Each structure stands twice: as C-alpha cells, then as structure tokens.
Amino acid sequence: MPKPSAQPGHPAPTFSLNSVEGTPRALPDLHANGPLLLVFLRHLG
C-alpha cells in the first residue's frame, strides 16, 4: 500500500517527531500557533 504524500494546496499528513530536547512534537500542535513551514533535506553539509 503506498504511503500518503503531501500535495501543493492540501494539508500535510499528521505526524510527530522528537524535538532536539527529546520532547515529542505533533504537527497539529505546532500549526495551532500559526502558519508553519516544513523543510525536508536529503543531504545537509
């Protein structure tokens, strides 16, 4: 089964990640404070 992917103009799928402090952060919680920009990099450096 293919995984859902984000499309321009559509809401991003809900997910959560750990912050640098180790605290779980969920997308809806971050978005509640206002607009949010998501950036995913395959290579850094």
Protein backbone atom coordinates (compact mmCIF):
# COMPACT_ATOMS: atom_id res chain seq x y z
CA MET A 1 0.00 0.00 0.00
CA PRO A 2 1.53 3.38 -0.97
CA LYS A 3 2.13 5.95 1.75
CA PRO A 4 0.20 9.23 1.52
CA SER A 5 2.19 12.17 0.24
CA ALA A 6 1.70 15.91 0.60
CA GLN A 7 0.40 17.76 -2.43
CA PRO A 8 0.60 21.53 -3.03
CA GLY A 9 -2.50 23.27 -1.70
CA HIS A 10 -3.50 20.35 0.53
CA PRO A 11 -2.91 19.92 4.28
CA ALA A 12 0.16 17.91 5.26
CA PRO A 13 -0.46 14.46 6.74
CA THR A 14 -0.40 14.42 10.54
CA PHE A 15 2.87 13.20 12.04
CA SER A 16 5.02 13.71 15.12
CA LEU A 17 8.78 13.93 15.69
CA ASN A 18 11.02 14.47 18.68
CA SER A 19 12.47 17.94 19.21
CA VAL A 20 16.21 18.41 19.79
CA GLU A 21 15.38 18.25 23.51
CA GLY A 22 13.67 14.87 23.02
CA THR A 23 10.12 16.19 23.50
CA PRO A 24 7.56 14.73 21.08
CA ARG A 25 6.08 17.45 18.84
CA ALA A 26 3.00 16.82 16.71
CA LEU A 27 2.22 18.77 13.56
CA PRO A 28 -1.25 19.93 14.72
CA ASP A 29 0.26 21.33 17.95
CA LEU A 30 2.85 23.36 16.04
CA HIS A 31 0.31 24.58 13.48
CA ALA A 32 -2.03 25.79 16.25
CA ASN A 33 0.36 28.73 16.85
CA GLY A 34 0.01 30.00 13.27
CA PRO A 35 1.42 29.26 9.82
CA LEU A 36 4.14 26.64 9.63
CA LEU A 37 6.88 25.99 7.08
CA LEU A 38 8.11 22.40 6.72
CA VAL A 39 11.52 21.81 5.14
CA PHE A 40 12.93 18.35 4.49
CA LEU A 41 16.54 17.99 3.37
CA ARG A 42 18.00 14.78 2.00
CA HIS A 43 21.60 15.96 2.43
CA LEU A 44 23.00 18.56 4.78
CA GLY A 45 26.60 19.65 4.56
